[in-house]
Protein backbone atom coordinates (compact mmCIF):
# COMPACT_ATOMS: atom_id res chain seq x y z
CA MET A 1 18.76 12.10 14.02
CA ASN A 2 18.71 15.88 14.53
CA PRO A 3 15.28 17.54 14.34
CA THR A 4 14.30 17.76 10.68
CA GLU A 5 11.67 19.54 8.68
CA GLU A 6 9.70 17.81 5.95
CA LYS A 7 7.73 19.86 3.40
CA MET A 8 5.34 19.00 0.61
CA ALA A 9 3.22 21.34 -1.53
CA THR A 10 0.06 20.37 -3.41
CA ASP A 11 -3.02 22.05 -4.87
CA ASN A 12 -6.54 22.13 -3.43
CA ILE A 13 -6.06 20.16 -0.24
CA GLU A 14 -9.37 19.32 1.42
CA PRO A 15 -10.00 18.43 5.10
CA ILE A 16 -8.63 15.06 6.13
CA SER A 17 -11.04 12.16 5.72
CA ARG A 18 -10.97 10.04 8.87
CA GLN A 19 -11.83 6.86 7.01
CA GLN A 20 -9.23 7.13 4.30
CA THR A 21 -6.43 8.41 6.49
CA ALA A 22 -6.72 5.57 9.03
CA ILE A 23 -4.08 3.48 7.30
CA PRO A 24 -1.87 2.15 10.07
CA LEU A 25 1.90 1.86 9.68
CA GLN A 26 2.66 -0.41 12.62
CA ARG A 27 0.31 -2.75 14.40
CA GLN A 28 -0.14 -6.42 15.27
CA TRP A 29 -3.13 -8.65 16.03
CA PRO A 30 -1.78 -12.14 16.79
CA GLN A 31 -5.22 -13.73 17.00
CA LEU A 32 -6.17 -12.50 13.54
CA GLY A 33 -2.88 -13.71 12.17
CA ARG A 34 -3.52 -17.14 13.59
CA GLU A 35 -7.01 -17.13 12.14
CA LEU A 36 -5.57 -16.19 8.76
CA TYR A 37 -3.20 -19.12 8.77
CA SER A 38 -5.75 -21.57 10.09
CA LEU A 39 -8.35 -20.56 7.52
CA GLU A 40 -5.92 -20.72 4.64
CA ARG A 41 -4.66 -24.06 5.87
CA ALA A 42 -8.12 -25.49 6.41
CA LEU A 43 -9.93 -23.95 3.46
CA ALA A 44 -7.34 -23.98 0.73
CA ALA A 45 -5.17 -27.04 1.26
CA HIS A 46 -7.10 -30.32 1.63
CA PHE A 47 -10.66 -29.59 0.59
CA VAL A 48 -13.12 -32.13 -0.63
CA THR A 49 -16.63 -30.81 -1.14
CA TYR A 50 -19.65 -32.52 -2.66
CA GLY A 51 -17.48 -35.38 -3.84
CA HIS A 52 -14.97 -33.40 -5.90
CA THR A 53 -11.66 -31.75 -5.11
CA LEU A 54 -11.54 -27.98 -5.46
CA SER A 55 -9.49 -26.63 -8.33
CA GLU A 56 -6.43 -24.49 -7.62
CA ASN A 57 -8.36 -21.38 -8.68
CA GLU A 58 -11.19 -22.21 -6.29
CA LYS A 59 -8.71 -22.75 -3.48
CA MET A 60 -7.07 -19.42 -4.21
CA GLU A 61 -10.42 -17.62 -4.38
CA ARG A 62 -11.52 -19.04 -1.03
CA ALA A 63 -8.21 -18.22 0.61
CA GLU A 64 -8.30 -14.67 -0.78
CA ARG A 65 -11.86 -14.14 0.41
CA PHE A 66 -11.06 -15.11 3.96
CA ARG A 67 -7.75 -13.27 3.90
CA ASN A 68 -9.55 -10.08 2.93
CA ARG A 69 -12.01 -10.62 5.75
CA VAL A 70 -9.17 -10.81 8.24
CA PHE A 71 -7.45 -7.75 6.83
CA ALA A 72 -10.70 -5.81 7.08
CA GLN A 73 -10.76 -6.54 10.81
CA LEU A 74 -7.09 -5.71 11.09
CA TYR A 75 -7.65 -2.18 9.84
CA ASN A 76 -10.83 -1.48 11.81
CA ASP A 77 -9.35 -1.26 15.30
CA ASP A 78 -9.65 1.47 17.91
CA GLU A 79 -6.93 3.64 16.36
CA LYS A 80 -4.64 3.73 19.38
CA TYR A 81 -2.30 6.13 17.57
CA SER A 82 -3.29 8.97 15.28
CA PRO A 83 -2.10 9.04 11.64
CA GLU A 84 0.52 11.68 12.36
CA THR A 85 1.89 9.74 15.35
CA ARG A 86 2.20 6.63 13.19
CA TYR A 87 3.91 8.69 10.54
CA ARG A 88 6.41 10.09 13.03
CA ALA A 89 7.10 6.55 14.25
CA PHE A 90 7.71 5.51 10.63
CA LEU A 91 10.12 8.42 10.16
CA LEU A 92 11.92 7.63 13.41
CA VAL A 93 12.62 4.14 12.08
CA LYS A 94 13.54 5.42 8.64
CA HIS A 95 15.96 8.01 9.97
CA GLY A 96 17.90 5.84 12.39
CA LYS A 97 16.08 3.30 14.54
CA ALA A 98 16.09 0.82 11.63
CA GLY A 99 19.75 0.26 12.45
CA GLU A 100 18.64 -1.90 15.37
CA ILE A 101 17.28 -4.36 12.79
CA VAL A 102 19.61 -4.15 9.76
CA GLY A 103 22.69 -2.34 11.04
CA ASN A 104 24.42 0.05 8.64
CA PRO A 105 23.76 -1.46 5.19
CA TYR A 106 25.71 -0.75 2.03
CA PHE A 107 26.38 -2.31 -1.38
CA VAL A 108 29.30 -2.23 -3.78
CA ASP A 109 28.47 -0.65 -7.13
CA ALA A 110 29.74 -1.57 -10.58
CA TYR A 111 32.80 0.63 -10.04
CA GLY A 112 33.78 -1.10 -6.82
CA GLN A 113 32.64 1.81 -4.65
CA GLN A 114 30.75 1.31 -1.40
CA GLN A 115 27.34 2.99 -1.51
CA GLU A 116 25.25 3.51 1.62
CA LEU A 117 21.69 2.19 1.44
CA PRO A 118 19.00 4.41 2.96
CA TYR A 119 16.52 2.86 5.36
CA THR A 120 12.98 2.23 4.10
CA GLY A 121 11.19 2.76 7.42
CA LEU A 122 9.68 -0.72 7.06
CA GLU A 123 12.38 -2.47 9.05
CA GLY A 124 10.22 -2.58 12.19
CA TYR A 125 7.98 -5.15 10.56
CA TYR A 126 10.92 -7.57 10.65
CA ALA A 127 11.44 -7.30 14.41
CA GLY A 128 10.85 -10.77 15.77
CA SER A 129 11.87 -12.37 12.47
CA MET A 130 15.60 -11.82 12.96
CA ARG A 131 17.88 -14.65 14.05
CA THR A 132 18.72 -14.71 17.76
CA SER A 133 20.20 -17.17 20.22
CA ALA A 134 16.63 -18.17 21.13
CA TYR A 135 15.34 -18.97 17.63
CA PRO A 136 16.39 -19.06 13.95
CA GLY A 137 15.57 -16.24 11.58
CA MET A 138 16.73 -13.68 9.06
CA GLU A 139 20.05 -11.90 8.77
CA PRO A 140 20.15 -8.12 8.11
CA GLU A 141 21.06 -8.67 4.44
CA ASP A 142 18.02 -10.95 4.08
CA VAL A 143 15.76 -8.08 5.10
CA ILE A 144 17.33 -5.67 2.59
CA GLN A 145 17.04 -8.24 -0.19
CA GLU A 146 13.42 -8.97 0.63
CA GLU A 147 12.59 -5.26 0.59
CA ALA A 148 14.40 -4.96 -2.74
CA HIS A 149 12.31 -7.84 -4.07
CA ILE A 150 9.11 -6.06 -2.99
CA GLY A 151 10.24 -2.94 -4.84
CA ILE A 152 11.07 -5.00 -7.94
CA GLU A 153 7.63 -6.63 -7.91
CA ILE A 154 5.91 -3.23 -7.77
CA LEU A 155 8.06 -1.79 -10.53
CA ARG A 156 7.50 -4.79 -12.80
CA THR A 157 3.75 -4.58 -12.28
CA ILE A 158 3.42 -0.89 -13.08
CA LYS A 159 5.86 -1.13 -16.00
CA LYS A 160 3.83 -3.98 -17.47
CA HIS A 161 0.64 -1.99 -16.97
CA ALA A 162 2.21 1.06 -18.63
CA ILE A 163 3.32 -0.95 -21.67
CA GLU A 164 -0.01 -2.73 -22.11
CA ARG A 165 -1.97 0.53 -21.88
CA TYR A 166 0.51 2.74 -23.74
CA THR A 167 0.96 4.94 -20.68
CA TRP A 168 4.73 4.78 -20.32
CA ALA A 169 4.89 8.58 -20.12
CA SER A 170 2.62 8.48 -17.07
CA PHE A 171 4.88 5.95 -15.36
CA ALA A 172 7.95 8.04 -16.12
CA LYS A 173 6.19 11.11 -14.74
CA MET A 174 5.27 9.35 -11.49
CA LYS A 175 8.81 8.01 -11.07
CA LYS A 176 10.25 11.46 -11.66
CA GLY A 177 7.80 12.88 -9.14
CA LEU A 178 8.97 10.35 -6.55
CA GLU A 179 12.62 11.18 -7.17
CA SER A 180 12.02 14.94 -6.92
CA GLY A 181 9.54 14.71 -4.03
CA GLU A 182 7.00 16.77 -5.99
CA PRO A 183 4.43 14.44 -7.61
CA ASP A 184 1.15 15.85 -8.87
CA ILE A 185 -2.23 14.94 -7.39
CA GLU A 186 -2.89 12.07 -9.79
CA ASP A 187 0.49 10.55 -9.02
CA LEU A 188 -0.13 10.96 -5.29
CA LYS A 189 -3.24 8.83 -5.60
CA ASN A 190 -1.27 6.04 -7.27
CA ILE A 191 1.63 6.32 -4.83
CA GLU A 192 -0.66 6.06 -1.82
CA ILE A 193 -2.37 2.97 -3.24
CA LEU A 194 0.98 1.29 -3.93
CA TRP A 195 2.29 2.12 -0.46
CA ALA A 196 -0.88 0.88 1.24
CA GLU A 197 -0.40 -2.46 -0.52
CA VAL A 198 3.17 -2.71 0.77
CA VAL A 199 2.08 -1.94 4.34
CA ARG A 200 -0.82 -4.39 4.14
CA ARG A 201 1.56 -7.11 3.02
CA LEU A 202 4.05 -6.47 5.82
CA HIS A 203 1.48 -6.15 8.61
CA VAL A 204 1.52 -9.92 9.02
CA ARG A 205 5.13 -10.47 7.97
CA ILE A 206 5.99 -12.05 11.32
CA TYR A 207 3.51 -14.85 10.60
CA ASP A 208 5.62 -15.95 7.63
CA ASN A 209 7.98 -17.52 10.14
CA PRO A 210 7.56 -21.32 10.12
CA GLU A 211 6.67 -21.58 13.81
CA PHE A 212 3.35 -19.86 13.16
CA GLU A 213 2.19 -22.73 11.00
CA MET A 214 -0.16 -24.68 13.21
CA THR A 215 0.60 -28.25 14.24
CA ILE A 216 -2.02 -30.85 13.45
CA THR A 217 -3.56 -30.75 16.95
CA GLU A 218 -3.76 -26.95 16.82
CA GLN A 219 -5.48 -27.12 13.43
CA ASP A 220 -7.96 -29.64 14.81
CA GLU A 221 -8.76 -27.49 17.85
CA GLN A 222 -9.16 -24.37 15.73
CA LEU A 223 -11.48 -26.15 13.31
CA GLU A 224 -13.57 -27.45 16.20
CA LYS A 225 -14.08 -23.85 17.37
CA LEU A 226 -14.91 -22.67 13.86
CA VAL A 227 -17.46 -25.44 13.38
CA SER A 228 -19.18 -24.52 16.65
CA VAL A 229 -19.54 -20.80 15.80
CA THR A 230 -20.20 -20.95 12.04
CA PRO A 231 -23.80 -19.88 11.24
CA VAL A 232 -25.98 -21.80 8.78
CA ARG A 233 -28.41 -19.11 7.65
CA THR A 234 -27.56 -19.20 3.94
CA GLU A 235 -26.70 -21.98 1.51
CA GLU A 236 -23.14 -20.70 1.26
CA GLU A 237 -22.77 -20.77 5.04
CA LYS A 238 -24.20 -24.28 5.18
CA ALA A 239 -21.76 -25.46 2.50
CA TYR A 240 -18.90 -23.77 4.33
CA LYS A 241 -19.81 -25.53 7.57
CA VAL A 242 -19.99 -28.90 5.80
CA VAL A 243 -16.46 -28.36 4.49
CA LEU A 244 -15.20 -27.34 7.92
CA GLN A 245 -16.83 -30.35 9.55
CA ALA A 246 -15.32 -32.72 6.99
CA GLU A 247 -11.84 -31.31 7.48
CA TYR A 248 -12.23 -31.43 11.26
CA GLU A 249 -13.22 -35.11 11.14
CA ARG A 250 -10.34 -35.90 8.78
CA LEU A 251 -7.78 -34.34 11.13
CA LYS A 252 -9.36 -35.96 14.16
CA THR A 253 -9.06 -39.37 12.53
CA GLU A 254 -5.47 -38.69 11.49
CA ILE A 255 -4.56 -37.77 15.07
CA HIS A 256 -6.31 -40.83 16.45
CA ASN A 257 -4.33 -43.10 14.13
CA MET A 258 -0.97 -41.60 15.06
CA SER A 259 1.47 -43.80 16.96
CA GLU A 260 2.37 -42.89 20.52
CA GLU A 261 5.80 -41.87 19.30
CA LYS A 262 4.32 -39.46 16.77
CA LYS A 263 1.89 -38.09 19.33
CA GLU A 264 4.77 -37.35 21.68
CA HIS A 265 6.68 -35.68 18.85
CA GLU A 266 3.59 -33.60 18.11
CA ARG A 267 3.35 -32.49 21.75
CA GLN A 268 7.02 -31.50 21.85
CA GLU A 269 6.85 -29.71 18.50
CA ARG A 270 3.77 -27.79 19.57
CA LYS A 271 5.41 -26.76 22.82
CA ALA A 272 8.53 -25.57 20.99
CA ARG A 273 6.53 -23.59 18.42
CA GLU A 274 4.44 -21.93 21.12
CA ARG A 275 7.58 -20.83 22.92
CA ILE A 276 9.19 -19.38 19.79
CA ARG A 277 5.95 -17.63 18.82
CA ARG A 278 5.87 -15.90 22.19
CA GLU A 279 9.51 -14.88 21.86
CA ARG A 280 9.04 -13.56 18.33
CA LEU A 281 5.95 -11.54 19.25
CA LYS A 282 7.72 -10.22 22.34
CA ALA A 283 10.59 -8.94 20.19
CA TYR A 284 8.17 -7.47 17.65
CA ASN A 285 6.12 -5.65 20.27
CA HIS A 286 9.24 -4.45 22.10
CA PHE A 287 10.55 -2.72 18.98
CA ARG A 288 7.15 -1.22 18.26
CA ASP A 289 6.55 -0.03 21.82
CA SER A 290 10.06 1.37 22.21
CA THR A 291 9.60 3.35 18.99
CA TYR A 292 6.45 5.07 20.26
CA ALA A 293 7.98 5.49 23.72
CA LYS A 294 10.92 7.37 22.22
CA LEU A 295 8.52 9.80 20.58
CA LYS A 296 7.08 10.57 24.02
CA GLU A 297 10.26 10.81 26.05
CA THR A 298 11.50 14.05 24.54
CA ARG A 299 10.12 17.41 23.51
CA ASN A 300 12.02 17.15 20.25
CA SER A 301 9.13 15.29 18.68
CA GLU A 302 6.51 17.44 17.07
CA TYR A 303 4.24 17.50 14.06
CA GLY A 304 2.69 20.65 12.65
CA ILE A 305 0.95 21.92 9.53
CA GLN A 306 0.88 25.48 8.30
CA VAL A 307 -1.48 26.53 5.50
CA ASN A 308 -0.88 29.39 3.11
CA ASP A 309 -3.92 30.03 0.93
CA SER A 310 -3.92 33.76 0.51
CA GLN A 311 -3.45 33.39 -3.24
CA TRP A 312 -4.02 30.48 -5.58
CA THR A 313 -0.55 30.76 -7.09
CA ASN A 314 1.12 30.68 -3.67
CA ALA A 315 -1.20 28.20 -1.97
CA THR A 316 0.72 25.56 -0.04
CA ILE A 317 0.70 23.36 3.02
CA THR A 318 3.91 23.18 5.01
CA GLU A 319 4.40 20.11 7.13
CA THR A 320 6.96 20.47 9.91
CA ILE A 321 8.27 17.41 11.74
CA LEU A 322 10.74 17.27 14.60
CA LEU A 323 12.11 13.89 15.61
CA PRO A 324 14.18 12.87 18.64
CA LYS A 325 17.81 12.08 17.99
CA THR A 326 18.61 8.42 17.35
CA GLN A 327 21.81 6.42 17.37
CA ALA A 328 24.09 7.31 14.46
CA ARG A 329 24.26 4.85 11.56
CA ASN A 330 28.00 4.47 11.92
CA ASP A 331 27.55 3.18 15.45
CA TYR A 332 25.86 0.07 14.07
CA THR A 333 27.66 -2.87 12.52
CA SER A 334 28.21 -2.41 8.79
CA THR A 335 26.18 -4.82 6.65
CA ARG A 336 27.34 -5.54 3.13
CA VAL A 337 24.45 -6.56 0.91
CA ALA A 338 24.91 -8.23 -2.46
CA LEU A 339 22.45 -6.54 -4.83
CA THR A 340 22.02 -6.64 -8.59
CA PRO A 341 21.33 -3.35 -10.42
CA GLU A 342 17.67 -4.36 -10.64
CA GLN A 343 17.56 -4.98 -6.89
CA VAL A 344 19.13 -1.61 -6.19
CA GLU A 345 16.52 0.05 -8.38
CA GLY A 346 13.71 -1.82 -6.61
CA TYR A 347 15.04 -1.02 -3.15
CA LEU A 348 15.49 2.69 -3.86
CA PHE A 349 12.04 2.83 -5.46
CA LEU A 350 10.53 1.37 -2.28
CA THR A 351 12.40 3.95 -0.21
CA GLU A 352 11.08 6.82 -2.33
CA LEU A 353 7.59 5.36 -2.29
CA GLY A 354 7.50 5.47 1.51
CA ASP A 355 8.75 9.04 1.68
CA ILE A 356 5.47 10.21 0.17
CA GLY A 357 3.06 7.29 0.40
CA GLY A 358 3.45 7.10 4.19
CA ASP A 359 2.68 10.78 4.69
CA PRO A 360 -0.85 11.47 5.98
CA LEU A 361 -1.03 14.53 3.74
CA ALA A 362 -0.67 12.29 0.70
CA ARG A 363 -3.68 10.31 1.86
CA THR A 364 -5.60 13.53 2.35
CA VAL A 365 -5.19 14.25 -1.33
CA LEU A 366 -6.49 10.78 -2.19
CA SER A 367 -9.64 11.30 -0.11
CA SER A 368 -10.41 14.71 -1.55
CA THR A 369 -10.36 14.04 -5.28
């Protein structure tokens, strides 16, 4: 892409809040992802506690509690990249590098015309999940359809909320603000929250691949570690440890009773999954690292802010972004994607959401009001 300039004007911008602007756009913690899966598997699948089986709601509550704990750790890292660097990386993907993942996507509209689909900037989260000669995975059209589904889910949720609370005009106003690129401060708050939820969801997208589900021996080893480090200071912690211990013993017994043939199959399956996990994470990290490396390799990568506050009526913040040139869309293989009108709407909504929700200035507004 040629160097571009992005601008957004708002009222009463306050200094950036470090805490609220530290929303990462690309990052991966494999150990936390593994802990997430092991906890959900161990704490929400086969529980028996105090003689009764947990209800589905109880399982979901426990899984959500531990999932939130993991996500809290995920976001509290050492901030290797600043918010503006992450934003430039997002834009680099959105304005060209995404073609490495999904090619040059398009759909055929109701009139039989081919319509180019813009990139969302989220494609990097699918690196490592794509099908290769080394492991199975997604096709480019699968990625586009999944992103469209995410957009549909968000739209359905906010439409339902608007109908129930008689605030349809507010929804229409926010959607119009997204389309024009000029939402007001209240809409910016909602947009940032919606975008943060999308990013949070996709941070661990790679762990949705089946190879990251632990084999029975891996589950047993992980539970053994958890049992050894779990404190017992409170009644809740004691009850939690009892549950962990019971599940650990159950798996240990199940492994002991396995035939030699099944044990050998387990060893081979574990070995295969470990290999594919390494390959997937290698591909994921390569895309991520190459994106940031491209920002460094050229001088055509800059981020600047200019403030004009001489008068209230003319007050504005101008954000200027220069990105290094990327491979042209047409150089990538064309990808035809079958989309319904609702899917097109959801996909384009997600694209517009990222244009503003991913901008660190939008998060500044959220932290200052």
